[in-house]
Structures are given as structure tokens and as C-alpha cells.
């Protein structure tokens, strides 16, 4: 089979590789490029030792499957790239997204095929209505579904989203599907033009900070923005730190805002299986609303071109298709 193989920072090669063997074999129909894929390609990542295949936001066609695994040959499925164990203390507390004993799909999806055991397939594959690439958004949307549960939404009260990248735009699409008003801050001309065409309200940072929002979602990993938006939140407001920060990032927080103004700071990380199921349900009902985030569908062999588009900020969401 062919795969887009990551060879180290800045290096990828479309090459022949061995077809994976497993109890269930899935032919990949599309795989979204996520922020982690881009970061790994640019700088490397401790979890991905080259040579390896990246990609985890994928859909596919079941090529072969053993009896009793929940899916059959010829069915279309979305793939949850990891699953919580369901048994540890965190899982029992309803924090499956923080499970330390997760199981993962063994191979990356920037390839013609992936394989897995029947046990994983039974819990981690989900039937989808068709091969529309919008279903590749299920995993990132599941993370957003998890984050949304940390907000204290009130009917008619606008939410502020800081950053209109793929994750911020998924928040916007999900809020829109719920009929919840929102506004968004985004300096990129490309992204501003794109989301303005969707009828979304766009504010400057100054306008947003002056408006005193009750609920603020920070989808940009700039630690200096943490206190800026805590200070800008309304009394009794909530700031959700959705973006991933590194261990070395530091933010200075004014305790005055926390104590005297009762502003809350909340975090969110990843998804649990229940969030993935909910995300698929939302896509089933609101596919076109989310599908417009996919600005490019590019053949897998042109993966380097796709990475360049994303680095230059000239795409929202890219799906690679073998």
C-alpha cells in the first residue's frame, strides 16, 4: 500500500509500505490534518518517532472484519482514534477523557489502510451515513463537545470565541447548531473572510474585551491571552482554556478577578467515547453546517502541498484522500 511517511521535522515522503495485518482491515477514504499533525511535521513530537505515519481523524470502508465485532465488510465507518478504559478511577468519575490507560488505533491514517483488533473495532468504529468527508471532523468535534459542557450557557447570551481556526470554528458551528449567539475574534484575513461568509459576527480584540462576555472560549495557545480575557470577562463569568498549552507555558492571573469578581477559569482536554458519539449525532443532523469548514480535499500523495497550505494559513481544514 501507499502511505505518507513522516521522516522527521519538515520531512514527509509518499512511499510504498507494508499493508497492515489485523483482525479488521479498513480502507481509508479520508483523513483530516489536525494541529498536532502540523506541529509534529514542523518540530517533531515525543509520541511520534520517525519513520511513522501520522493522521487520526479518519473515515473508511471495512475491507474485512471478523464476526461479532459490530461492523461488516463493505460498511462505512468513522474511527475514534482512542478509547478510555472505562474501569479506572477517572473513568468511574465520568472523566474518561483523562483516562491514563487509553487504547489507541495502532497505525496512522495518512495511508491506504489501517488495521485493528476486533475488540477495539467493537467500541471504536461507528457506522456513518455516507462517505462525506465531514465525518472526518468527528474527533475534533468530540473535543469541542467536551469543552462545551464546561460552559454555562444562557439563552440569548452571546459566547465569545477567541480564535477562528478549525477548533474555534467548530465551537462556532456547534453553538450555531444550538441556536446560541456568539461572536468571534480572529486577526487572520483569510479566516475572517471565510467566516464572514457564514454570517458570523466578528469582533476586534478591543471590541471583544470591552463587551464583558459571560462565557469566553480561548482556542489560541498564547498564554499572555489568559489574563487578558479573564480581566475582560463579565463579573461571574467563565473563561474556558480549550487550546493546548505546553508544560513550559506560564500565565499570570490576577487573583482580584477570581475573588472579588468571581470569574472562573476552566480547562478541557480531549474527548471520551460519549462525546464522540454525540459529535457523530450532531454531524448526522447538521452536516452541511460543519462541512463548510473543510476548505480543501487533497490527494494523499500531495500531502506536503497540504501541509504548506496550512502553514501559510491558506486553508481551514484539509482532508487527505488516498
Protein backbone atom coordinates (compact mmCIF):
# COMPACT_ATOMS: atom_id res chain seq x y z
CA UNK A 1 0.00 0.00 0.00
CA UNK A 2 0.97 3.65 -0.18
CA UNK A 3 1.39 5.92 2.84
CA UNK A 4 2.58 9.42 3.65
CA UNK A 5 5.51 8.65 5.94
CA UNK A 6 6.81 11.22 8.43
CA UNK A 7 10.62 11.07 8.44
CA UNK A 8 11.45 13.89 10.86
CA UNK A 9 10.81 17.63 11.19
CA UNK A 10 9.99 19.09 7.79
CA UNK A 11 10.26 15.72 6.03
CA UNK A 12 7.49 13.53 4.63
CA UNK A 13 7.55 11.06 1.77
CA UNK A 14 4.76 9.33 -0.11
CA UNK A 15 6.04 5.79 -0.42
CA UNK A 16 5.23 2.12 -0.64
CA UNK A 17 4.82 0.46 2.76
CA UNK A 18 3.63 -2.87 4.03
CA UNK A 19 -0.14 -3.27 4.26
CA UNK A 20 -1.11 -3.68 7.92
CA UNK A 21 -2.39 -7.02 9.13
CA UNK A 22 -5.08 -7.33 11.76
CA UNK A 23 -8.40 -8.87 12.63
CA UNK A 24 -10.14 -5.94 10.93
CA UNK A 25 -8.76 -4.06 7.94
CA UNK A 26 -10.10 -0.67 6.96
CA UNK A 27 -9.52 1.09 3.64
CA UNK A 28 -9.10 4.80 4.38
CA UNK A 29 -11.37 7.14 2.44
CA UNK A 30 -10.27 10.41 4.03
CA UNK A 31 -8.23 11.74 6.92
CA UNK A 32 -8.19 15.27 8.29
CA UNK A 33 -4.97 17.07 9.14
CA UNK A 34 -5.04 18.34 12.72
CA UNK A 35 -2.90 20.81 14.64
CA UNK A 36 -0.87 18.00 16.22
CA UNK A 37 -0.01 16.64 12.77
CA UNK A 38 1.23 20.08 11.71
CA UNK A 39 3.24 20.60 14.91
CA UNK A 40 4.80 17.16 14.56
CA UNK A 41 5.69 17.79 10.94
CA UNK A 42 7.32 21.12 11.80
CA UNK A 43 9.03 20.38 15.11
CA UNK A 44 8.67 16.70 15.97
CA UNK A 45 6.68 15.16 18.82
CA UNK A 46 7.65 12.88 21.70
CA UNK A 47 4.80 10.49 20.87
CA UNK A 48 5.74 10.02 17.19
CA UNK A 49 9.14 8.53 16.44
CA UNK A 50 10.04 8.67 12.74
CA UNK A 51 9.67 6.92 10.42
CA UNK A 52 5.95 6.73 11.17
CA UNK A 53 2.56 7.54 9.68
CA UNK A 54 0.56 10.40 11.19
CA UNK A 55 -3.16 11.13 10.98
CA UNK A 56 -6.03 10.15 13.26
CA UNK A 57 -9.19 11.92 12.03
CA UNK A 58 -10.40 9.38 9.53
CA UNK A 59 -13.26 7.54 7.89
CA UNK A 60 -13.07 4.35 5.89
CA UNK A 61 -14.61 1.30 4.27
CA UNK A 62 -14.44 -2.02 6.10
CA UNK A 63 -12.48 -4.37 3.83
CA UNK A 64 -12.52 -7.38 6.14
CA UNK A 65 -13.97 -7.97 9.59
CA UNK A 66 -14.41 -10.97 11.90
CA UNK A 67 -17.88 -11.95 13.12
CA UNK A 68 -19.13 -10.22 16.25
CA UNK A 69 -17.05 -7.03 16.00
CA UNK A 70 -20.05 -4.79 15.34
CA UNK A 71 -19.32 -3.96 11.70
CA UNK A 72 -19.29 -5.91 8.46
CA UNK A 73 -17.35 -5.89 5.21
CA UNK A 74 -18.45 -3.05 2.94
CA UNK A 75 -19.77 -0.76 5.69
CA UNK A 76 -18.70 2.87 6.04
CA UNK A 77 -17.31 3.85 9.42
CA UNK A 78 -15.76 6.70 11.38
CA UNK A 79 -12.79 5.80 13.58
CA UNK A 80 -12.38 7.00 17.15
CA UNK A 81 -8.57 7.20 17.42
CA UNK A 82 -8.50 6.36 21.12
CA UNK A 83 -10.80 4.99 23.80
CA UNK A 84 -10.80 5.23 27.58
CA UNK A 85 -10.52 2.02 29.59
CA UNK A 86 -13.86 2.51 31.38
CA UNK A 87 -12.61 0.94 34.62
CA UNK A 88 -10.10 3.28 36.28
CA UNK A 89 -10.90 5.86 38.96
CA UNK A 90 -11.03 8.68 36.41
CA UNK A 91 -13.42 6.78 34.16
CA UNK A 92 -15.64 5.90 37.10
CA UNK A 93 -15.80 9.62 37.92
CA UNK A 94 -17.02 10.37 34.41
CA UNK A 95 -13.64 11.68 33.29
CA UNK A 96 -12.89 9.22 30.51
CA UNK A 97 -11.08 11.94 28.58
CA UNK A 98 -8.44 11.95 31.36
CA UNK A 99 -8.03 8.16 31.48
CA UNK A 100 -4.37 7.10 31.83
CA UNK A 101 -5.00 3.64 30.38
CA UNK A 102 -6.39 4.52 26.96
CA UNK A 103 -6.16 2.21 23.98
CA UNK A 104 -5.21 3.62 20.59
CA UNK A 105 -5.52 2.76 16.93
CA UNK A 106 -2.11 1.29 16.17
CA UNK A 107 -1.38 2.99 12.85
CA UNK A 108 -1.72 6.45 11.38
CA UNK A 109 -4.43 7.23 8.83
CA UNK A 110 -2.33 9.04 6.21
CA UNK A 111 -2.28 5.73 4.38
CA UNK A 112 -4.37 3.45 2.18
CA UNK A 113 -5.22 1.08 5.06
CA UNK A 114 -5.21 0.68 8.83
CA UNK A 115 -5.89 -2.45 10.88
CA UNK A 116 -7.08 -3.16 14.41
CA UNK A 117 -8.22 -5.99 16.64
CA UNK A 118 -11.87 -6.95 16.91
CA UNK A 119 -12.15 -5.67 20.49
CA UNK A 120 -11.14 -2.15 19.54
CA UNK A 121 -13.33 -2.23 16.44
CA UNK A 122 -16.37 -3.16 18.52
CA UNK A 123 -16.06 0.02 20.60
CA UNK A 124 -14.12 2.38 18.33
CA UNK A 125 -15.80 2.09 14.92
CA UNK A 126 -19.10 3.82 14.21
CA UNK A 127 -21.35 3.42 11.20
CA UNK A 128 -21.83 6.58 9.15
CA UNK A 129 -24.48 7.52 6.62
CA UNK A 130 -22.17 8.05 3.64
CA UNK A 131 -18.57 8.80 2.70
CA UNK A 132 -18.93 12.58 3.07
CA UNK A 133 -15.57 13.88 4.41
CA UNK A 134 -17.48 15.90 7.03
CA UNK A 135 -17.34 12.75 9.17
CA UNK A 136 -13.56 13.20 9.50
CA UNK A 137 -14.46 16.08 11.84
CA UNK A 138 -15.96 13.72 14.41
CA UNK A 139 -12.84 13.53 16.59
CA UNK A 140 -12.09 17.26 16.83
CA UNK A 141 -15.81 17.95 17.25
CA UNK A 142 -15.90 15.41 20.09
CA UNK A 143 -13.24 17.50 21.86
CA UNK A 144 -15.41 20.59 21.33
CA UNK A 145 -18.48 18.76 22.66
CA UNK A 146 -16.48 18.01 25.81
CA UNK A 147 -15.44 21.65 26.08
CA UNK A 148 -18.98 22.89 25.53
CA UNK A 149 -20.10 21.03 28.64
CA UNK A 150 -17.79 23.26 30.71
CA UNK A 151 -19.62 26.41 29.62
CA UNK A 152 -22.55 27.89 31.50
CA UNK A 153 -24.78 28.80 28.59
CA UNK A 154 -27.78 31.10 28.94
CA UNK A 155 -30.36 31.52 26.21
CA UNK A 156 -29.80 34.72 24.26
CA UNK A 157 -26.43 35.48 25.89
CA UNK A 158 -23.54 35.62 23.43
CA UNK A 159 -20.46 33.46 23.85
CA UNK A 160 -17.06 34.84 22.81
CA UNK A 161 -14.69 32.57 20.88
CA UNK A 162 -11.08 33.72 20.71
CA UNK A 163 -9.58 32.28 17.54
CA UNK A 164 -11.32 31.10 14.35
CA UNK A 165 -9.00 28.26 13.50
CA UNK A 166 -10.53 24.81 12.98
CA UNK A 167 -11.29 24.30 16.68
CA UNK A 168 -12.69 27.78 17.25
CA UNK A 169 -14.78 27.41 14.10
CA UNK A 170 -16.09 24.06 15.32
CA UNK A 171 -17.20 25.83 18.50
CA UNK A 172 -18.95 28.41 16.34
CA UNK A 173 -20.64 25.77 14.21
CA UNK A 174 -21.77 23.84 17.29
CA UNK A 175 -23.11 26.95 19.02
CA UNK A 176 -24.88 27.91 15.81
CA UNK A 177 -26.50 24.47 15.60
CA UNK A 178 -27.81 25.04 19.14
CA UNK A 179 -29.21 28.47 18.32
CA UNK A 180 -26.78 30.05 20.80
CA UNK A 181 -25.50 33.51 19.77
CA UNK A 182 -21.75 34.04 19.67
CA UNK A 183 -19.05 36.34 18.41
CA UNK A 184 -15.51 35.52 17.39
CA UNK A 185 -12.11 37.23 17.43
CA UNK A 186 -9.76 36.40 14.57
CA UNK A 187 -6.95 38.53 13.08
CA UNK A 188 -6.25 36.34 10.01
CA UNK A 189 -7.68 37.96 6.84
CA UNK A 190 -8.25 34.53 5.25
CA UNK A 191 -10.23 33.23 8.21
CA UNK A 192 -12.13 36.49 8.71
CA UNK A 193 -13.26 36.50 5.09
CA UNK A 194 -14.24 32.82 5.25
CA UNK A 195 -16.33 33.01 8.42
CA UNK A 196 -17.91 36.33 7.48
CA UNK A 197 -19.38 34.48 4.52
CA UNK A 198 -21.11 32.22 7.02
CA UNK A 199 -22.79 35.19 8.66
CA UNK A 200 -20.75 35.00 11.88
CA UNK A 201 -20.20 38.10 14.00
CA UNK A 202 -16.54 39.11 14.02
CA UNK A 203 -15.09 41.46 16.62
CA UNK A 204 -11.72 43.05 17.11
CA UNK A 205 -9.90 42.10 20.31
CA UNK A 206 -10.61 45.57 21.66
CA UNK A 207 -14.34 45.30 20.93
CA UNK A 208 -14.50 41.85 22.49
CA UNK A 209 -12.75 42.91 25.68
CA UNK A 210 -15.00 45.92 26.05
CA UNK A 211 -18.16 43.82 25.75
CA UNK A 212 -17.70 41.84 29.02
CA UNK A 213 -18.84 38.40 27.86
CA UNK A 214 -20.10 35.88 30.40
CA UNK A 215 -18.57 32.89 28.59
CA UNK A 216 -15.24 33.08 26.78
CA UNK A 217 -13.56 30.21 24.91
CA UNK A 218 -9.82 30.59 24.34
CA UNK A 219 -8.76 28.41 21.39
CA UNK A 220 -5.38 30.10 20.89
CA UNK A 221 -2.32 28.78 22.75
CA UNK A 222 -0.89 32.17 23.67
CA UNK A 223 -0.51 32.22 27.44
CA UNK A 224 -0.49 36.04 27.63
CA UNK A 225 -4.12 36.00 26.48
CA UNK A 226 -5.25 34.08 29.57
CA UNK A 227 -5.20 37.05 31.96
CA UNK A 228 -6.27 39.47 29.24
CA UNK A 229 -9.57 37.63 28.82
CA UNK A 230 -10.00 36.84 32.50
CA UNK A 231 -9.79 40.58 33.08
CA UNK A 232 -12.22 41.22 30.23
CA UNK A 233 -14.83 38.68 31.37
CA UNK A 234 -18.05 39.89 32.99
CA UNK A 235 -18.45 39.57 36.75
CA UNK A 236 -19.28 35.95 37.49
CA UNK A 237 -18.06 34.98 34.01
CA UNK A 238 -16.17 31.90 32.90
CA UNK A 239 -13.05 31.56 30.74
CA UNK A 240 -12.53 28.14 29.13
CA UNK A 241 -8.91 27.27 28.29
CA UNK A 242 -9.50 24.96 25.35
CA UNK A 243 -6.24 25.39 23.49
CA UNK A 244 -3.35 23.08 24.33
CA UNK A 245 -0.57 24.70 26.35
CA UNK A 246 2.86 23.19 26.89
CA UNK A 247 4.34 22.49 30.33
CA UNK A 248 6.69 25.41 29.85
CA UNK A 249 3.89 27.94 29.25
CA UNK A 250 3.12 30.28 32.13
CA UNK A 251 0.25 32.69 32.68
CA UNK A 252 -0.03 35.39 35.31
CA UNK A 253 -3.51 35.54 36.83
CA UNK A 254 -4.79 38.45 38.88
CA UNK A 255 -6.48 36.89 41.94
CA UNK A 256 -8.61 40.03 42.25
CA UNK A 257 -10.65 38.87 39.24
CA UNK A 258 -11.09 35.42 40.71
CA UNK A 259 -12.02 36.53 44.24
CA UNK A 260 -13.77 39.88 44.01
CA UNK A 261 -15.38 39.40 40.58
CA UNK A 262 -15.91 35.63 40.85
CA UNK A 263 -14.54 34.91 37.41
CA UNK A 264 -13.94 31.19 36.86
CA UNK A 265 -11.19 29.60 34.80
CA UNK A 266 -11.98 26.16 33.39
CA UNK A 267 -9.94 23.67 31.39
CA UNK A 268 -10.82 20.93 28.96
CA UNK A 269 -8.82 18.20 27.28
CA UNK A 270 -9.63 15.62 24.62
CA UNK A 271 -12.81 13.58 24.50
CA UNK A 272 -14.44 10.48 25.95
CA UNK A 273 -16.33 7.93 23.86
CA UNK A 274 -19.67 9.51 24.80
CA UNK A 275 -18.50 12.83 23.34
CA UNK A 276 -17.52 11.10 20.08
CA UNK A 277 -20.96 9.52 19.83
CA UNK A 278 -22.59 12.90 20.43
CA UNK A 279 -20.38 14.53 17.80
CA UNK A 280 -21.42 11.99 15.18
CA UNK A 281 -25.06 12.59 16.03
CA UNK A 282 -24.59 16.33 15.52
CA UNK A 283 -22.89 15.75 12.15
CA UNK A 284 -25.73 13.45 11.07
CA UNK A 285 -28.20 16.27 11.74
CA UNK A 286 -26.11 19.30 10.72
CA UNK A 287 -23.61 18.00 8.18
CA UNK A 288 -23.55 21.00 5.80
CA UNK A 289 -23.04 23.45 8.68
CA UNK A 290 -19.83 21.62 9.66
CA UNK A 291 -18.75 20.52 6.20
CA UNK A 292 -18.02 24.08 5.10
CA UNK A 293 -15.02 24.07 7.45
CA UNK A 294 -13.34 21.67 5.02
CA UNK A 295 -11.85 24.07 2.50
CA UNK A 296 -9.59 21.56 0.72
CA UNK A 297 -9.71 17.88 -0.26
CA UNK A 298 -6.26 16.87 -1.47
CA UNK A 299 -4.89 13.52 -2.73
CA UNK A 300 -2.70 11.78 -0.18
CA UNK A 301 0.34 11.88 -2.47
CA UNK A 302 0.20 15.68 -2.31
CA UNK A 303 0.44 15.74 1.46
CA UNK A 304 3.41 18.12 1.51
CA UNK A 305 1.37 20.61 -0.51
CA UNK A 306 -1.41 20.33 2.06
CA UNK A 307 0.99 20.99 4.92
CA UNK A 308 2.32 24.07 3.13
CA UNK A 309 -1.20 25.44 2.65
CA UNK A 310 -1.91 25.06 6.37
CA UNK A 311 1.41 26.59 7.40
CA UNK A 312 0.67 29.64 5.25
CA UNK A 313 -2.81 29.98 6.75
CA UNK A 314 -4.47 29.48 3.37
CA UNK A 315 -6.80 26.67 4.43
CA UNK A 316 -9.19 25.98 7.28
CA UNK A 317 -9.48 22.21 7.36
CA UNK A 318 -7.77 19.88 4.87
CA UNK A 319 -8.77 16.27 4.23
CA UNK A 320 -6.24 13.96 2.60
CA UNK A 321 -7.81 11.30 0.36
CA UNK A 322 -5.93 8.18 -0.80
